[in-house]
Amino acid sequence: MSESRDLKILEAILFASNGPVLEIDLRDKIVNKKKIGEYLKDLEKFYSNRGINLKKTGNKWSFRTSEELS
């Protein structure tokens, strides 16, 4: 149950942020801290074929408009 909640928390933070978010800050907000990499990869895959994509730049994550649309 906390896995689903963790994914929702990460998604909400990333959508609501004005800019890229440090991975360590994302990790601090979830219960299963050791799974942060897995969660982010799951979200990255989920959004890979949509109008926005989850992108990692350095040690920060953010949603960006799909390259197909920009």
C-alpha atoms as a PDB file:
ATOM      1  CA  MET A   1       0.000   0.000   0.000  1.00  0.00           C
ATOM      2  CA  SER A   2       2.787   2.444   0.800  1.00  0.00           C
ATOM      3  CA  GLU A   3       4.329   1.765  -2.637  1.00  0.00           C
ATOM      4  CA  SER A   4       1.271   3.194  -4.384  1.00  0.00           C
ATOM      5  CA  ARG A   5       1.215   6.130  -1.973  1.00  0.00           C
ATOM      6  CA  ASP A   6       4.928   6.774  -2.522  1.00  0.00           C
ATOM      7  CA  LEU A   7       4.428   6.886  -6.303  1.00  0.00           C
ATOM      8  CA  LYS A   8       1.522   9.298  -5.914  1.00  0.00           C
ATOM      9  CA  ILE A   9       3.573  11.535  -3.615  1.00  0.00           C
ATOM     10  CA  LEU A  10       6.480  11.639  -6.076  1.00  0.00           C
ATOM     11  CA  GLU A  11       4.183  12.359  -8.995  1.00  0.00           C
ATOM     12  CA  ALA A  12       2.400  15.148  -7.120  1.00  0.00           C
ATOM     13  CA  ILE A  13       5.633  16.817  -6.025  1.00  0.00           C
ATOM     14  CA  LEU A  14       7.057  16.712  -9.535  1.00  0.00           C
ATOM     15  CA  PHE A  15       3.869  18.102 -11.093  1.00  0.00           C
ATOM     16  CA  ALA A  16       3.554  20.874  -8.531  1.00  0.00           C
ATOM     17  CA  SER A  17       7.176  22.007  -8.572  1.00  0.00           C
ATOM     18  CA  ASN A  18       8.265  25.125 -10.454  1.00  0.00           C
ATOM     19  CA  GLY A  19      11.520  23.503 -11.460  1.00  0.00           C
ATOM     20  CA  PRO A  20      13.622  20.357 -11.197  1.00  0.00           C
ATOM     21  CA  VAL A  21      13.606  18.628  -7.795  1.00  0.00           C
ATOM     22  CA  LEU A  22      16.651  17.081  -6.160  1.00  0.00           C
ATOM     23  CA  GLU A  23      16.396  13.305  -5.882  1.00  0.00           C
ATOM     24  CA  ILE A  24      17.408  13.492  -2.223  1.00  0.00           C
ATOM     25  CA  ASP A  25      14.470  15.837  -1.544  1.00  0.00           C
ATOM     26  CA  LEU A  26      12.098  13.409  -3.243  1.00  0.00           C
ATOM     27  CA  ARG A  27      13.524  10.527  -1.200  1.00  0.00           C
ATOM     28  CA  ASP A  28      12.854  12.428   2.026  1.00  0.00           C
ATOM     29  CA  LYS A  29       9.104  12.551   1.265  1.00  0.00           C
ATOM     30  CA  ILE A  30       8.448   8.824   0.799  1.00  0.00           C
ATOM     31  CA  VAL A  31       8.225   5.825   3.129  1.00  0.00           C
ATOM     32  CA  ASN A  32      10.262   3.278   1.124  1.00  0.00           C
ATOM     33  CA  LYS A  33      13.374   5.397   0.659  1.00  0.00           C
ATOM     34  CA  LYS A  34      15.448   2.513  -0.737  1.00  0.00           C
ATOM     35  CA  LYS A  35      13.032   2.204  -3.679  1.00  0.00           C
ATOM     36  CA  ILE A  36      13.405   5.791  -4.926  1.00  0.00           C
ATOM     37  CA  GLY A  37      15.299   4.668  -8.042  1.00  0.00           C
ATOM     38  CA  GLU A  38      12.703   2.032  -8.871  1.00  0.00           C
ATOM     39  CA  TYR A  39       9.838   4.471  -8.367  1.00  0.00           C
ATOM     40  CA  LEU A  40      11.398   7.140 -10.561  1.00  0.00           C
ATOM     41  CA  LYS A  41      12.102   4.612 -13.319  1.00  0.00           C
ATOM     42  CA  ASP A  42       8.485   3.432 -13.126  1.00  0.00           C
ATOM     43  CA  LEU A  43       7.235   7.014 -13.496  1.00  0.00           C
ATOM     44  CA  GLU A  44       9.740   7.684 -16.276  1.00  0.00           C
ATOM     45  CA  LYS A  45       8.484   4.631 -18.177  1.00  0.00           C
ATOM     46  CA  PHE A  46       4.819   5.478 -17.552  1.00  0.00           C
ATOM     47  CA  TYR A  47       5.241   8.977 -19.002  1.00  0.00           C
ATOM     48  CA  SER A  48       7.611   8.016 -21.849  1.00  0.00           C
ATOM     49  CA  ASN A  49       4.849   7.926 -24.496  1.00  0.00           C
ATOM     50  CA  ARG A  50       2.793  10.863 -23.286  1.00  0.00           C
ATOM     51  CA  GLY A  51       2.743  14.607 -23.874  1.00  0.00           C
ATOM     52  CA  ILE A  52       5.100  15.105 -20.958  1.00  0.00           C
ATOM     53  CA  ASN A  53       8.116  13.046 -19.981  1.00  0.00           C
ATOM     54  CA  LEU A  54       9.935  12.623 -16.706  1.00  0.00           C
ATOM     55  CA  LYS A  55      13.568  13.620 -17.207  1.00  0.00           C
ATOM     56  CA  LYS A  56      16.647  13.430 -15.012  1.00  0.00           C
ATOM     57  CA  THR A  57      19.187  16.213 -15.297  1.00  0.00           C
ATOM     58  CA  GLY A  58      22.179  15.728 -13.054  1.00  0.00           C
ATOM     59  CA  ASN A  59      20.677  14.769  -9.709  1.00  0.00           C
ATOM     60  CA  LYS A  60      17.336  16.497 -10.308  1.00  0.00           C
ATOM     61  CA  TRP A  61      14.053  15.302 -11.803  1.00  0.00           C
ATOM     62  CA  SER A  62      11.332  17.206 -13.627  1.00  0.00           C
ATOM     63  CA  PHE A  63       8.490  16.829 -16.090  1.00  0.00           C
ATOM     64  CA  ARG A  64       9.180  18.279 -19.531  1.00  0.00           C
ATOM     65  CA  THR A  65       7.106  18.599 -22.674  1.00  0.00           C
ATOM     66  CA  SER A  66       7.672  15.627 -24.960  1.00  0.00           C
ATOM     67  CA  GLU A  67      10.266  16.264 -27.671  1.00  0.00           C
ATOM     68  CA  GLU A  68       7.621  15.297 -30.247  1.00  0.00           C
ATOM     69  CA  LEU A  69       5.516  18.266 -29.190  1.00  0.00           C
ATOM     70  CA  SER A  70       8.132  20.909 -28.462  1.00  0.00           C
END
